[in-house]
Amino acid sequence: MSKLKAFGLFWYDFIIGDDWHVAALVAAGLAVTALVVHIAGVNAWWLLPLCVVAALAWSLHRATSRKPLPGSAQGQGAGSAAR
């Protein structure tokens, strides 16, 4: 594999990672911040950290609120071991 391709794959995996939704939300936050600064002329440095915290909270909520699959290790209680 070429070094350039490996470099590109590293950055893709680093930025996109396991959840592309978070990367998309951060990119949208960057775009909205740039628009607010350039169009409205507002000092909007605080908008991007707010978007990042909201994306993190949303991602954590999605990851922790999913119901375990039937028959998975998380779905079985302590007393339901295979007999």
C-alpha atoms as a PDB file:
ATOM      1  CA  MET A   1       0.000   0.000   0.000  1.00  0.00           C
ATOM      2  CA  SER A   2       1.353   3.409  -0.871  1.00  0.00           C
ATOM      3  CA  LYS A   3       2.232   5.838   1.863  1.00  0.00           C
ATOM      4  CA  LEU A   4      -0.218   8.403   0.514  1.00  0.00           C
ATOM      5  CA  LYS A   5      -3.095   5.913   0.575  1.00  0.00           C
ATOM      6  CA  ALA A   6      -2.166   4.807   4.108  1.00  0.00           C
ATOM      7  CA  PHE A   7      -2.041   8.446   5.192  1.00  0.00           C
ATOM      8  CA  GLY A   8      -5.489   9.075   3.708  1.00  0.00           C
ATOM      9  CA  LEU A   9      -6.954   5.947   5.297  1.00  0.00           C
ATOM     10  CA  PHE A  10      -5.536   6.962   8.675  1.00  0.00           C
ATOM     11  CA  TRP A  11      -7.221  10.368   8.534  1.00  0.00           C
ATOM     12  CA  TYR A  12     -10.486   8.871   7.270  1.00  0.00           C
ATOM     13  CA  ASP A  13     -10.526   6.378  10.153  1.00  0.00           C
ATOM     14  CA  PHE A  14      -9.471   9.051  12.651  1.00  0.00           C
ATOM     15  CA  ILE A  15     -12.113  11.600  11.613  1.00  0.00           C
ATOM     16  CA  ILE A  16     -15.006   9.349  10.636  1.00  0.00           C
ATOM     17  CA  GLY A  17     -14.222   6.531  13.061  1.00  0.00           C
ATOM     18  CA  ASP A  18     -17.066   4.302  14.162  1.00  0.00           C
ATOM     19  CA  ASP A  19     -19.818   6.916  13.937  1.00  0.00           C
ATOM     20  CA  TRP A  20     -19.989   9.077  10.840  1.00  0.00           C
ATOM     21  CA  HIS A  21     -22.964  10.927  12.320  1.00  0.00           C
ATOM     22  CA  VAL A  22     -20.739  12.749  14.809  1.00  0.00           C
ATOM     23  CA  ALA A  23     -18.320  13.778  12.062  1.00  0.00           C
ATOM     24  CA  ALA A  24     -21.242  15.084   9.994  1.00  0.00           C
ATOM     25  CA  LEU A  25     -22.602  17.063  12.953  1.00  0.00           C
ATOM     26  CA  VAL A  26     -19.203  18.620  13.649  1.00  0.00           C
ATOM     27  CA  ALA A  27     -18.825  19.527   9.962  1.00  0.00           C
ATOM     28  CA  ALA A  28     -22.303  21.087  10.031  1.00  0.00           C
ATOM     29  CA  GLY A  29     -21.331  22.994  13.176  1.00  0.00           C
ATOM     30  CA  LEU A  30     -18.239  24.334  11.405  1.00  0.00           C
ATOM     31  CA  ALA A  31     -20.346  25.434   8.443  1.00  0.00           C
ATOM     32  CA  VAL A  32     -22.985  27.125  10.611  1.00  0.00           C
ATOM     33  CA  THR A  33     -20.303  28.878  12.666  1.00  0.00           C
ATOM     34  CA  ALA A  34     -18.621  30.169   9.497  1.00  0.00           C
ATOM     35  CA  LEU A  35     -21.955  31.387   8.117  1.00  0.00           C
ATOM     36  CA  VAL A  36     -22.867  33.184  11.333  1.00  0.00           C
ATOM     37  CA  VAL A  37     -19.459  34.870  11.502  1.00  0.00           C
ATOM     38  CA  HIS A  38     -19.357  35.964   7.855  1.00  0.00           C
ATOM     39  CA  ILE A  39     -23.023  36.808   7.243  1.00  0.00           C
ATOM     40  CA  ALA A  40     -24.154  38.169  10.599  1.00  0.00           C
ATOM     41  CA  GLY A  41     -20.763  39.468  11.690  1.00  0.00           C
ATOM     42  CA  VAL A  42     -21.212  37.910  15.124  1.00  0.00           C
ATOM     43  CA  ASN A  43     -18.274  36.639  17.160  1.00  0.00           C
ATOM     44  CA  ALA A  44     -19.543  33.037  17.265  1.00  0.00           C
ATOM     45  CA  TRP A  45     -16.539  31.146  18.658  1.00  0.00           C
ATOM     46  CA  TRP A  46     -18.860  29.576  21.260  1.00  0.00           C
ATOM     47  CA  LEU A  47     -21.099  27.908  18.658  1.00  0.00           C
ATOM     48  CA  LEU A  48     -18.695  25.145  17.607  1.00  0.00           C
ATOM     49  CA  PRO A  49     -18.004  23.836  21.160  1.00  0.00           C
ATOM     50  CA  LEU A  50     -21.768  23.859  21.734  1.00  0.00           C
ATOM     51  CA  CYS A  51     -22.277  21.751  18.583  1.00  0.00           C
ATOM     52  CA  VAL A  52     -19.521  19.329  19.624  1.00  0.00           C
ATOM     53  CA  VAL A  53     -21.018  18.856  23.117  1.00  0.00           C
ATOM     54  CA  ALA A  54     -24.481  18.351  21.598  1.00  0.00           C
ATOM     55  CA  ALA A  55     -23.098  15.776  19.117  1.00  0.00           C
ATOM     56  CA  LEU A  56     -21.337  13.922  21.936  1.00  0.00           C
ATOM     57  CA  ALA A  57     -24.476  13.883  24.094  1.00  0.00           C
ATOM     58  CA  TRP A  58     -26.580  12.657  21.155  1.00  0.00           C
ATOM     59  CA  SER A  59     -24.059   9.941  20.305  1.00  0.00           C
ATOM     60  CA  LEU A  60     -23.857   8.746  23.909  1.00  0.00           C
ATOM     61  CA  HIS A  61     -27.647   8.714  24.172  1.00  0.00           C
ATOM     62  CA  ARG A  62     -27.911   6.619  21.001  1.00  0.00           C
ATOM     63  CA  ALA A  63     -25.229   4.199  22.192  1.00  0.00           C
ATOM     64  CA  THR A  64     -26.661   3.685  25.671  1.00  0.00           C
ATOM     65  CA  SER A  65     -30.375   3.608  24.881  1.00  0.00           C
ATOM     66  CA  ARG A  66     -30.316   0.710  22.437  1.00  0.00           C
ATOM     67  CA  LYS A  67     -32.024  -2.411  23.670  1.00  0.00           C
ATOM     68  CA  PRO A  68     -29.795  -5.500  23.771  1.00  0.00           C
ATOM     69  CA  LEU A  69     -30.529  -8.216  21.254  1.00  0.00           C
ATOM     70  CA  PRO A  70     -32.395 -11.275  22.536  1.00  0.00           C
ATOM     71  CA  GLY A  71     -29.977 -14.011  23.495  1.00  0.00           C
ATOM     72  CA  SER A  72     -26.996 -11.703  23.758  1.00  0.00           C
ATOM     73  CA  ALA A  73     -24.803 -11.628  26.848  1.00  0.00           C
ATOM     74  CA  GLN A  74     -26.330  -8.306  27.902  1.00  0.00           C
ATOM     75  CA  GLY A  75     -29.870  -9.584  27.457  1.00  0.00           C
ATOM     76  CA  GLN A  76     -29.399 -12.517  29.825  1.00  0.00           C
ATOM     77  CA  GLY A  77     -29.640 -12.108  33.556  1.00  0.00           C
ATOM     78  CA  ALA A  78     -27.352 -13.745  36.097  1.00  0.00           C
ATOM     79  CA  GLY A  79     -29.790 -16.606  36.679  1.00  0.00           C
ATOM     80  CA  SER A  80     -30.337 -17.469  33.034  1.00  0.00           C
ATOM     81  CA  ALA A  81     -27.088 -19.313  32.372  1.00  0.00           C
ATOM     82  CA  ALA A  82     -27.158 -22.215  29.923  1.00  0.00           C
ATOM     83  CA  ARG A  83     -28.028 -25.477  31.653  1.00  0.00           C
END
